[in-house]
C-alpha atoms as a PDB file:
ATOM      1  CA  MET A   1     138.699  64.613  29.280  1.00  0.00           C
ATOM      2  CA  ILE A   2     138.679  62.860  32.273  1.00  0.00           C
ATOM      3  CA  SER A   3     142.277  61.104  32.419  1.00  0.00           C
ATOM      4  CA  SER A   4     140.886  59.084  35.293  1.00  0.00           C
ATOM      5  CA  VAL A   5     138.144  57.209  33.838  1.00  0.00           C
ATOM      6  CA  LEU A   6     139.274  53.385  33.519  1.00  0.00           C
ATOM      7  CA  ARG A   7     136.122  52.117  31.291  1.00  0.00           C
ATOM      8  CA  SER A   8     133.976  53.710  28.911  1.00  0.00           C
ATOM      9  CA  GLY A   9     131.934  52.375  26.040  1.00  0.00           C
ATOM     10  CA  PHE A  10     128.426  52.090  24.345  1.00  0.00           C
ATOM     11  CA  VAL A  11     125.174  50.893  25.895  1.00  0.00           C
ATOM     12  CA  ALA A  12     121.884  50.362  23.822  1.00  0.00           C
ATOM     13  CA  ILE A  13     118.764  50.366  25.798  1.00  0.00           C
ATOM     14  CA  VAL A  14     116.305  48.364  23.582  1.00  0.00           C
ATOM     15  CA  GLY A  15     112.996  46.694  24.275  1.00  0.00           C
ATOM     16  CA  ARG A  16     109.209  46.630  22.998  1.00  0.00           C
ATOM     17  CA  PRO A  17     107.583  49.972  22.865  1.00  0.00           C
ATOM     18  CA  ASN A  18     106.114  51.161  25.773  1.00  0.00           C
ATOM     19  CA  VAL A  19     108.178  49.527  28.471  1.00  0.00           C
ATOM     20  CA  GLY A  20     109.957  52.632  29.996  1.00  0.00           C
ATOM     21  CA  LYS A  21     113.059  52.654  27.907  1.00  0.00           C
ATOM     22  CA  SER A  22     112.810  56.617  27.930  1.00  0.00           C
ATOM     23  CA  THR A  23     112.095  57.297  31.513  1.00  0.00           C
ATOM     24  CA  LEU A  24     115.345  54.702  32.497  1.00  0.00           C
ATOM     25  CA  LEU A  25     117.195  56.747  30.194  1.00  0.00           C
ATOM     26  CA  ASN A  26     116.937  59.959  31.633  1.00  0.00           C
ATOM     27  CA  LYS A  27     117.750  58.303  35.552  1.00  0.00           C
ATOM     28  CA  LEU A  28     120.490  56.840  34.383  1.00  0.00           C
ATOM     29  CA  VAL A  29     122.080  60.197  32.822  1.00  0.00           C
ATOM     30  CA  GLY A  30     120.448  61.816  35.842  1.00  0.00           C
ATOM     31  CA  GLN A  31     118.524  64.335  34.041  1.00  0.00           C
ATOM     32  CA  LYS A  32     115.882  64.651  30.505  1.00  0.00           C
ATOM     33  CA  VAL A  33     117.502  63.731  27.779  1.00  0.00           C
ATOM     34  CA  SER A  34     115.132  61.824  25.822  1.00  0.00           C
ATOM     35  CA  ILE A  35     110.877  62.457  25.798  1.00  0.00           C
ATOM     36  CA  THR A  36     108.577  60.525  27.741  1.00  0.00           C
ATOM     37  CA  SER A  37     104.881  59.537  27.249  1.00  0.00           C
ATOM     38  CA  ARG A  38     102.255  57.161  28.245  1.00  0.00           C
ATOM     39  CA  LYS A  39     101.494  56.579  24.323  1.00  0.00           C
ATOM     40  CA  ALA A  40     103.655  53.505  22.786  1.00  0.00           C
ATOM     41  CA  GLN A  41     106.459  54.705  20.315  1.00  0.00           C
ATOM     42  CA  THR A  42     107.561  57.444  21.785  1.00  0.00           C
ATOM     43  CA  THR A  43     111.527  57.464  20.770  1.00  0.00           C
ATOM     44  CA  ARG A  44     111.753  58.229  17.284  1.00  0.00           C
ATOM     45  CA  HIS A  45     115.699  59.409  17.380  1.00  0.00           C
ATOM     46  CA  ARG A  46     118.734  57.349  18.667  1.00  0.00           C
ATOM     47  CA  VAL A  47     119.466  59.196  21.578  1.00  0.00           C
ATOM     48  CA  VAL A  48     122.748  59.234  23.513  1.00  0.00           C
ATOM     49  CA  GLY A  49     122.761  60.261  27.270  1.00  0.00           C
ATOM     50  CA  ILE A  50     125.912  60.509  28.719  1.00  0.00           C
ATOM     51  CA  ARG A  51     126.916  59.613  32.369  1.00  0.00           C
ATOM     52  CA  THR A  52     130.457  60.285  33.750  1.00  0.00           C
ATOM     53  CA  GLU A  53     131.531  58.743  37.131  1.00  0.00           C
ATOM     54  CA  PRO A  54     135.104  58.457  38.538  1.00  0.00           C
ATOM     55  CA  GLU A  55     136.130  55.326  36.969  1.00  0.00           C
ATOM     56  CA  ALA A  56     133.871  54.774  34.124  1.00  0.00           C
ATOM     57  CA  GLN A  57     131.749  56.920  31.524  1.00  0.00           C
ATOM     58  CA  PHE A  58     128.694  55.194  30.112  1.00  0.00           C
ATOM     59  CA  VAL A  59     127.329  56.272  26.665  1.00  0.00           C
ATOM     60  CA  PHE A  60     123.655  55.599  26.292  1.00  0.00           C
ATOM     61  CA  VAL A  61     122.035  55.064  23.227  1.00  0.00           C
ATOM     62  CA  ASP A  62     117.875  55.046  23.464  1.00  0.00           C
ATOM     63  CA  THR A  63     116.284  53.398  20.666  1.00  0.00           C
ATOM     64  CA  PRO A  64     113.123  53.429  18.932  1.00  0.00           C
ATOM     65  CA  GLY A  65     110.778  50.342  20.390  1.00  0.00           C
ATOM     66  CA  PHE A  66     110.935  47.574  17.953  1.00  0.00           C
ATOM     67  CA  GLN A  67     107.587  48.194  15.629  1.00  0.00           C
ATOM     68  CA  LEU A  68     106.824  44.335  15.554  1.00  0.00           C
ATOM     69  CA  ARG A  69     102.788  44.855  14.320  1.00  0.00           C
ATOM     70  CA  HIS A  70     102.805  47.526  11.299  1.00  0.00           C
ATOM     71  CA  GLY A  71     104.258  48.164   8.146  1.00  0.00           C
ATOM     72  CA  GLY A  72     105.284  51.103   6.517  1.00  0.00           C
ATOM     73  CA  ARG A  73     108.023  53.391   5.387  1.00  0.00           C
ATOM     74  CA  MET A  74     108.532  55.246   8.636  1.00  0.00           C
ATOM     75  CA  ASN A  75     108.474  51.944  10.966  1.00  0.00           C
ATOM     76  CA  ALA A  76     111.063  49.879   8.954  1.00  0.00           C
ATOM     77  CA  ALA A  77     113.215  52.815   8.587  1.00  0.00           C
ATOM     78  CA  LEU A  78     112.762  52.883  12.933  1.00  0.00           C
ATOM     79  CA  ASN A  79     113.536  48.902  13.069  1.00  0.00           C
ATOM     80  CA  ARG A  80     116.834  49.499  10.651  1.00  0.00           C
ATOM     81  CA  SER A  81     117.754  52.079  13.083  1.00  0.00           C
ATOM     82  CA  VAL A  82     117.549  49.964  16.370  1.00  0.00           C
ATOM     83  CA  LYS A  83     119.331  46.966  14.478  1.00  0.00           C
ATOM     84  CA  GLN A  84     122.109  49.564  13.647  1.00  0.00           C
ATOM     85  CA  THR A  85     122.580  50.649  16.925  1.00  0.00           C
ATOM     86  CA  LEU A  86     123.330  46.912  18.100  1.00  0.00           C
ATOM     87  CA  THR A  87     125.918  46.212  15.684  1.00  0.00           C
ATOM     88  CA  ASP A  88     127.572  49.525  16.756  1.00  0.00           C
ATOM     89  CA  VAL A  89     127.732  49.190  20.717  1.00  0.00           C
ATOM     90  CA  ASP A  90     129.389  47.680  23.554  1.00  0.00           C
ATOM     91  CA  VAL A  91     126.923  46.344  25.733  1.00  0.00           C
ATOM     92  CA  VAL A  92     123.113  45.855  25.485  1.00  0.00           C
ATOM     93  CA  LEU A  93     120.190  46.278  27.930  1.00  0.00           C
ATOM     94  CA  VAL A  94     117.153  44.726  27.001  1.00  0.00           C
ATOM     95  CA  VAL A  95     114.109  46.372  29.035  1.00  0.00           C
ATOM     96  CA  VAL A  96     110.989  44.397  30.007  1.00  0.00           C
ATOM     97  CA  GLU A  97     108.185  44.727  32.023  1.00  0.00           C
ATOM     98  CA  ALA A  98     107.573  43.465  35.135  1.00  0.00           C
ATOM     99  CA  GLY A  99     105.323  40.450  35.245  1.00  0.00           C
ATOM    100  CA  LYS A 100     104.945  41.313  31.508  1.00  0.00           C
ATOM    101  CA  PHE A 101     106.823  38.945  28.951  1.00  0.00           C
ATOM    102  CA  ASN A 102     104.729  38.794  25.451  1.00  0.00           C
ATOM    103  CA  GLN A 103     105.656  37.785  22.069  1.00  0.00           C
ATOM    104  CA  GLY A 104     106.571  40.957  21.584  1.00  0.00           C
ATOM    105  CA  ASP A 105     109.436  40.862  23.960  1.00  0.00           C
ATOM    106  CA  SER A 106     110.217  37.494  22.854  1.00  0.00           C
ATOM    107  CA  GLN A 107     110.905  38.766  19.516  1.00  0.00           C
ATOM    108  CA  VAL A 108     113.062  41.554  20.277  1.00  0.00           C
ATOM    109  CA  VAL A 109     115.032  39.030  22.261  1.00  0.00           C
ATOM    110  CA  SER A 110     115.227  36.712  19.282  1.00  0.00           C
ATOM    111  CA  LEU A 111     116.815  39.625  17.548  1.00  0.00           C
ATOM    112  CA  LEU A 112     119.771  40.778  20.187  1.00  0.00           C
ATOM    113  CA  PRO A 113     123.375  40.285  19.289  1.00  0.00           C
ATOM    114  CA  GLU A 114     125.224  36.987  20.379  1.00  0.00           C
ATOM    115  CA  ASP A 115     128.142  38.594  20.445  1.00  0.00           C
ATOM    116  CA  ARG A 116     128.329  40.919  23.134  1.00  0.00           C
ATOM    117  CA  PRO A 117     126.780  41.042  26.962  1.00  0.00           C
ATOM    118  CA  VAL A 118     122.900  41.438  27.032  1.00  0.00           C
ATOM    119  CA  LEU A 119     122.153  42.459  30.630  1.00  0.00           C
ATOM    120  CA  LEU A 120     118.356  42.395  30.757  1.00  0.00           C
ATOM    121  CA  VAL A 121     116.738  44.851  32.908  1.00  0.00           C
ATOM    122  CA  ILE A 122     113.243  44.505  34.826  1.00  0.00           C
ATOM    123  CA  ASN A 123     111.330  47.508  34.977  1.00  0.00           C
ATOM    124  CA  LYS A 124     108.740  48.369  37.011  1.00  0.00           C
ATOM    125  CA  GLN A 125     109.873  46.138  39.543  1.00  0.00           C
ATOM    126  CA  ASP A 126     107.319  47.347  42.529  1.00  0.00           C
ATOM    127  CA  GLU A 127     104.424  46.114  40.485  1.00  0.00           C
ATOM    128  CA  ILE A 128     105.391  42.796  41.786  1.00  0.00           C
ATOM    129  CA  LYS A 129     105.329  42.705  45.764  1.00  0.00           C
ATOM    130  CA  ASP A 130     105.435  38.721  45.824  1.00  0.00           C
ATOM    131  CA  LYS A 131     109.502  37.355  45.559  1.00  0.00           C
ATOM    132  CA  ALA A 132     108.001  33.836  44.574  1.00  0.00           C
ATOM    133  CA  ALA A 133     106.270  35.802  41.593  1.00  0.00           C
ATOM    134  CA  MET A 134     109.609  37.584  40.683  1.00  0.00           C
ATOM    135  CA  LEU A 135     111.345  34.483  40.737  1.00  0.00           C
ATOM    136  CA  ALA A 136     109.392  32.702  38.390  1.00  0.00           C
ATOM    137  CA  PHE A 137     108.887  35.542  36.180  1.00  0.00           C
ATOM    138  CA  VAL A 138     112.844  35.606  35.862  1.00  0.00           C
ATOM    139  CA  GLN A 139     113.022  32.063  35.256  1.00  0.00           C
ATOM    140  CA  GLN A 140     110.383  32.682  32.421  1.00  0.00           C
ATOM    141  CA  VAL A 141     112.444  35.311  30.619  1.00  0.00           C
ATOM    142  CA  SER A 142     115.624  33.273  31.348  1.00  0.00           C
ATOM    143  CA  ALA A 143     114.275  30.738  29.280  1.00  0.00           C
ATOM    144  CA  ALA A 144     114.202  33.103  26.189  1.00  0.00           C
ATOM    145  CA  ARG A 145     118.278  33.358  25.863  1.00  0.00           C
ATOM    146  CA  PRO A 146     121.232  33.469  28.363  1.00  0.00           C
ATOM    147  CA  PHE A 147     121.512  37.135  30.015  1.00  0.00           C
ATOM    148  CA  ALA A 148     124.844  38.082  31.240  1.00  0.00           C
ATOM    149  CA  GLU A 149     123.141  40.045  34.215  1.00  0.00           C
ATOM    150  CA  ILE A 150     119.761  40.512  35.454  1.00  0.00           C
ATOM    151  CA  VAL A 151     119.133  43.757  37.049  1.00  0.00           C
ATOM    152  CA  PRO A 152     115.071  44.423  38.602  1.00  0.00           C
ATOM    153  CA  VAL A 153     114.564  48.412  38.744  1.00  0.00           C
ATOM    154  CA  SER A 154     111.748  50.757  39.081  1.00  0.00           C
ATOM    155  CA  ALA A 155     112.827  53.607  36.495  1.00  0.00           C
ATOM    156  CA  LYS A 156     110.088  55.829  37.702  1.00  0.00           C
ATOM    157  CA  HIS A 157     110.944  55.952  41.295  1.00  0.00           C
ATOM    158  CA  GLY A 158     114.904  55.355  40.171  1.00  0.00           C
ATOM    159  CA  THR A 159     115.053  52.426  42.242  1.00  0.00           C
ATOM    160  CA  GLY A 160     117.869  50.192  41.595  1.00  0.00           C
ATOM    161  CA  VAL A 161     119.502  52.409  38.841  1.00  0.00           C
ATOM    162  CA  GLU A 162     122.767  53.047  41.209  1.00  0.00           C
ATOM    163  CA  ILE A 163     122.812  49.053  41.045  1.00  0.00           C
ATOM    164  CA  LEU A 164     122.334  48.395  37.319  1.00  0.00           C
ATOM    165  CA  LEU A 165     125.179  51.382  36.894  1.00  0.00           C
ATOM    166  CA  GLN A 166     127.590  49.672  39.429  1.00  0.00           C
ATOM    167  CA  VAL A 167     126.635  45.962  37.625  1.00  0.00           C
ATOM    168  CA  LEU A 168     127.108  47.545  34.008  1.00  0.00           C
ATOM    169  CA  ALA A 169     130.723  49.403  34.593  1.00  0.00           C
ATOM    170  CA  LYS A 170     132.048  46.012  34.540  1.00  0.00           C
ATOM    171  CA  TYR A 171     130.646  45.252  31.067  1.00  0.00           C
ATOM    172  CA  LEU A 172     132.130  48.195  29.633  1.00  0.00           C
ATOM    173  CA  PRO A 173     135.652  48.202  27.574  1.00  0.00           C
ATOM    174  CA  GLU A 174     138.720  49.761  29.013  1.00  0.00           C
ATOM    175  CA  GLY A 175     139.401  53.129  27.837  1.00  0.00           C
ATOM    176  CA  PRO A 176     139.234  56.853  28.331  1.00  0.00           C
ATOM    177  CA  ALA A 177     136.692  59.011  28.151  1.00  0.00           C
ATOM    178  CA  MET A 178     135.022  59.847  24.929  1.00  0.00           C
ATOM    179  CA  TYR A 179     133.020  62.489  26.095  1.00  0.00           C
ATOM    180  CA  GLY A 180     133.756  65.378  28.392  1.00  0.00           C
ATOM    181  CA  GLU A 181     132.693  65.539  31.971  1.00  0.00           C
ATOM    182  CA  ASP A 182     130.032  67.816  31.981  1.00  0.00           C
ATOM    183  CA  ASP A 183     128.429  66.307  28.654  1.00  0.00           C
ATOM    184  CA  VAL A 184     124.830  64.609  28.895  1.00  0.00           C
ATOM    185  CA  THR A 185     123.782  64.419  25.781  1.00  0.00           C
ATOM    186  CA  ASP A 186     124.828  64.699  22.076  1.00  0.00           C
ATOM    187  CA  GLN A 187     121.643  65.968  20.716  1.00  0.00           C
ATOM    188  CA  THR A 188     121.760  69.486  19.454  1.00  0.00           C
ATOM    189  CA  GLU A 189     119.035  72.444  20.548  1.00  0.00           C
ATOM    190  CA  ARG A 190     116.929  72.161  17.348  1.00  0.00           C
ATOM    191  CA  VAL A 191     116.452  68.069  17.789  1.00  0.00           C
ATOM    192  CA  LEU A 192     116.171  68.702  21.560  1.00  0.00           C
ATOM    193  CA  ALA A 193     113.541  71.787  20.852  1.00  0.00           C
ATOM    194  CA  ALA A 194     111.017  69.766  18.521  1.00  0.00           C
ATOM    195  CA  GLU A 195     111.377  66.328  21.023  1.00  0.00           C
ATOM    196  CA  LEU A 196     110.028  68.769  23.804  1.00  0.00           C
ATOM    197  CA  ILE A 197     107.470  69.924  21.514  1.00  0.00           C
ATOM    198  CA  ARG A 198     106.436  66.486  20.972  1.00  0.00           C
ATOM    199  CA  GLU A 199     106.689  65.148  23.984  1.00  0.00           C
ATOM    200  CA  LYS A 200     103.852  68.039  25.419  1.00  0.00           C
ATOM    201  CA  LEU A 201     101.926  67.249  22.087  1.00  0.00           C
ATOM    202  CA  PHE A 202     101.384  63.196  23.517  1.00  0.00           C
ATOM    203  CA  ARG A 203     101.245  63.895  27.140  1.00  0.00           C
ATOM    204  CA  LEU A 204      98.102  66.728  26.666  1.00  0.00           C
ATOM    205  CA  SER A 205      96.505  65.139  23.842  1.00  0.00           C
ATOM    206  CA  GLY A 206      95.608  62.500  25.576  1.00  0.00           C
ATOM    207  CA  ASP A 207      94.451  59.291  23.382  1.00  0.00           C
ATOM    208  CA  GLU A 208      92.969  61.694  21.133  1.00  0.00           C
ATOM    209  CA  ILE A 209      96.142  62.127  18.710  1.00  0.00           C
ATOM    210  CA  PRO A 210      97.782  58.934  17.539  1.00  0.00           C
ATOM    211  CA  TYR A 211     100.984  58.012  16.651  1.00  0.00           C
ATOM    212  CA  ALA A 212     100.986  59.671  13.450  1.00  0.00           C
ATOM    213  CA  THR A 213     101.981  63.176  14.265  1.00  0.00           C
ATOM    214  CA  ALA A 214     105.586  64.905  13.936  1.00  0.00           C
ATOM    215  CA  VAL A 215     107.340  68.173  15.065  1.00  0.00           C
ATOM    216  CA  VAL A 216     109.088  70.110  12.296  1.00  0.00           C
ATOM    217  CA  ILE A 217     111.410  73.113  13.250  1.00  0.00           C
ATOM    218  CA  ASP A 218     110.830  75.907  10.688  1.00  0.00           C
ATOM    219  CA  LYS A 219     113.742  77.821  11.893  1.00  0.00           C
ATOM    220  CA  PHE A 220     115.705  78.161  15.077  1.00  0.00           C
ATOM    221  CA  GLU A 221     117.772  81.265  15.407  1.00  0.00           C
ATOM    222  CA  GLU A 222     120.265  82.129  18.207  1.00  0.00           C
ATOM    223  CA  GLN A 223     120.756  85.606  19.561  1.00  0.00           C
ATOM    224  CA  GLY A 224     122.804  85.362  22.581  1.00  0.00           C
ATOM    225  CA  LYS A 225     121.064  84.461  25.653  1.00  0.00           C
ATOM    226  CA  LEU A 226     117.790  84.167  23.258  1.00  0.00           C
ATOM    227  CA  ARG A 227     116.315  81.313  21.377  1.00  0.00           C
ATOM    228  CA  ARG A 228     113.802  82.284  18.756  1.00  0.00           C
ATOM    229  CA  ILE A 229     112.175  78.807  17.278  1.00  0.00           C
ATOM    230  CA  PHE A 230     109.396  78.411  14.613  1.00  0.00           C
ATOM    231  CA  ALA A 231     107.628  74.707  14.622  1.00  0.00           C
ATOM    232  CA  SER A 232     105.356  72.943  12.885  1.00  0.00           C
ATOM    233  CA  ILE A 233     102.691  70.112  14.494  1.00  0.00           C
ATOM    234  CA  LEU A 234     102.470  67.783  11.169  1.00  0.00           C
ATOM    235  CA  VAL A 235      98.909  65.670  11.378  1.00  0.00           C
ATOM    236  CA  ASP A 236      97.363  63.358   8.847  1.00  0.00           C
ATOM    237  CA  ARG A 237      93.885  64.947   9.415  1.00  0.00           C
ATOM    238  CA  ASP A 238      91.888  68.150   9.479  1.00  0.00           C
ATOM    239  CA  SER A 239      89.989  66.499  12.698  1.00  0.00           C
ATOM    240  CA  GLN A 240      93.284  66.089  14.712  1.00  0.00           C
ATOM    241  CA  LYS A 241      94.344  69.768  13.478  1.00  0.00           C
ATOM    242  CA  ALA A 242      90.779  70.811  15.083  1.00  0.00           C
ATOM    243  CA  ILE A 243      91.878  68.427  18.606  1.00  0.00           C
ATOM    244  CA  VAL A 244      95.481  69.662  18.725  1.00  0.00           C
ATOM    245  CA  ILE A 245      94.593  73.412  18.554  1.00  0.00           C
ATOM    246  CA  GLY A 246      91.771  72.706  21.085  1.00  0.00           C
ATOM    247  CA  LYS A 247      88.651  74.991  21.447  1.00  0.00           C
ATOM    248  CA  GLY A 248      90.027  79.081  21.439  1.00  0.00           C
ATOM    249  CA  GLY A 249      93.583  77.678  20.736  1.00  0.00           C
ATOM    250  CA  GLU A 250      93.786  76.738  24.609  1.00  0.00           C
ATOM    251  CA  LYS A 251      95.358  73.119  23.503  1.00  0.00           C
ATOM    252  CA  LEU A 252      97.761  74.273  21.446  1.00  0.00           C
ATOM    253  CA  LYS A 253      98.917  77.174  23.936  1.00  0.00           C
ATOM    254  CA  GLU A 254      99.582  74.712  26.778  1.00  0.00           C
ATOM    255  CA  ILE A 255     101.559  72.603  24.719  1.00  0.00           C
ATOM    256  CA  SER A 256     103.487  75.251  23.527  1.00  0.00           C
ATOM    257  CA  THR A 257     103.881  77.211  26.821  1.00  0.00           C
ATOM    258  CA  GLN A 258     104.814  73.806  28.890  1.00  0.00           C
ATOM    259  CA  ALA A 259     107.893  73.170  25.850  1.00  0.00           C
ATOM    260  CA  ARG A 260     108.993  76.288  26.151  1.00  0.00           C
ATOM    261  CA  ILE A 261     109.506  75.850  29.795  1.00  0.00           C
ATOM    262  CA  ASP A 262     111.230  72.973  29.465  1.00  0.00           C
ATOM    263  CA  MET A 263     113.144  74.504  26.467  1.00  0.00           C
ATOM    264  CA  GLU A 264     114.479  77.395  29.207  1.00  0.00           C
ATOM    265  CA  LYS A 265     115.863  75.014  31.751  1.00  0.00           C
ATOM    266  CA  ALA A 266     117.553  72.967  29.188  1.00  0.00           C
ATOM    267  CA  PHE A 267     119.186  75.711  27.090  1.00  0.00           C
ATOM    268  CA  ASP A 268     119.810  77.947  30.722  1.00  0.00           C
ATOM    269  CA  CYS A 269     117.948  80.757  27.861  1.00  0.00           C
ATOM    270  CA  LYS A 270     115.094  82.736  27.138  1.00  0.00           C
ATOM    271  CA  VAL A 271     113.233  81.143  24.454  1.00  0.00           C
ATOM    272  CA  TYR A 272     110.544  82.745  22.392  1.00  0.00           C
ATOM    273  CA  LEU A 273     108.502  79.871  20.521  1.00  0.00           C
ATOM    274  CA  GLU A 274     106.068  80.107  17.709  1.00  0.00           C
ATOM    275  CA  VAL A 275     104.285  76.499  17.374  1.00  0.00           C
ATOM    276  CA  TRP A 276     101.643  75.948  13.972  1.00  0.00           C
ATOM    277  CA  VAL A 277      99.789  73.141  13.019  1.00  0.00           C
ATOM    278  CA  LYS A 278      99.374  71.834   9.778  1.00  0.00           C
ATOM    279  CA  VAL A 279      97.579  68.879   8.022  1.00  0.00           C
ATOM    280  CA  LYS A 280     100.301  66.749   5.581  1.00  0.00           C
ATOM    281  CA  GLY A 281      98.141  63.488   5.083  1.00  0.00           C
ATOM    282  CA  GLY A 282     100.702  60.557   4.818  1.00  0.00           C
ATOM    283  CA  TRP A 283     103.418  62.511   5.899  1.00  0.00           C
ATOM    284  CA  ALA A 284     104.719  58.943   7.412  1.00  0.00           C
ATOM    285  CA  ASP A 285     105.492  57.513   4.339  1.00  0.00           C
ATOM    286  CA  ASP A 286     106.784  60.973   2.564  1.00  0.00           C
ATOM    287  CA  VAL A 287     110.808  60.381   2.244  1.00  0.00           C
ATOM    288  CA  ARG A 288     111.269  64.114   2.039  1.00  0.00           C
ATOM    289  CA  VAL A 289     109.325  65.123   5.483  1.00  0.00           C
ATOM    290  CA  LEU A 290     111.313  61.408   6.923  1.00  0.00           C
ATOM    291  CA  LYS A 291     114.419  62.974   5.993  1.00  0.00           C
ATOM    292  CA  SER A 292     114.007  66.247   7.392  1.00  0.00           C
ATOM    293  CA  LEU A 293     112.950  64.432  11.256  1.00  0.00           C
ATOM    294  CA  GLY A 294     116.345  62.650  10.597  1.00  0.00           C
ATOM    295  CA  ILE A 295     114.271  59.230   9.929  1.00  0.00           C
ATOM    296  CA  GLU A 296     115.222  58.015   6.661  1.00  0.00           C
END
C-alpha cells in the first residue's frame, strides 16, 4: 500500500458503443486490461483498471456501451450493469467521438448522475483539424448538460491522456490507495483469457460474425509456470460455426494462436490453449449461459 497517495477513487468510463472507451482505459492504465475491436459493444463486463501515481490512485471502471436500440435479456443486463456502476463511483468520464454527437450520445448523457462530477472526454480529437469546428462541437455537446471539465484526447495515439489524468486527479476524494502499487486490474486470469479469445474472434472475423458470440472457459488449470486452458466459442448458427473455423480450420487456428500469445504476455508464463466452436442458438437469452459469463 502506498502511504504517499493523497487521493484515490473510482472512475466510470461510459458512452455509447464503439466510441473508444476500452482503448482509452488501456491508455489510462498503461497496458491492456480491456479488449478492443472495431465492432460495437465489445465490452460485456465491468473491468477495473488501476493506475497509481505518487499523489493519486485512479481505479477505472470500463462499462458496456449503453444498448439503446436492441432488447433481449443480455442487453437489459448490460444496461443494468452500467446504471449500477454509476451509483458506485466518485467521478464519471463520458466519452464521445469528435464531431459526432447523435441521439445515442444524448440519451447516454441524459442518464448520467447529477450528484457527482462528470467530465466530458472528446475522443479522436485529431479528426477535427479546424479549431472553430472543435469549439462549435464543444458548444453543441455542452448544451446537453453542464460538465465539470472538457478534455479532448486521442485514445488511439495517447494524445491528451496525461492531461486528462492531471485534470481528473483533483476530482478524486482524499484518501489512501485502495490497491497495491503494482496492481493494474482486478480481473482474474480466467476472465482475461476469455476476453482475449473474444477480442481475436472479433478482430479476425471482420463483419462476418455478429455480436451474438460468446466465449466460455470450460477448464482453467494452473501448473506452476504453465496454464492449460480449454475454451468454447458459442455461436447461434451452423453457418457462423463454419466461418469461425475457416477453411481447413485456419481461422480458428489463427484466433487461438494470437490469443495464446497475448495470454503468455499477460500471465508471464507458457499457455496451452484449446478452443472449440459450439452452436447454441439463443444463448444471449439463456439465463444459465449469461450467469456463466458473469452477465445477469
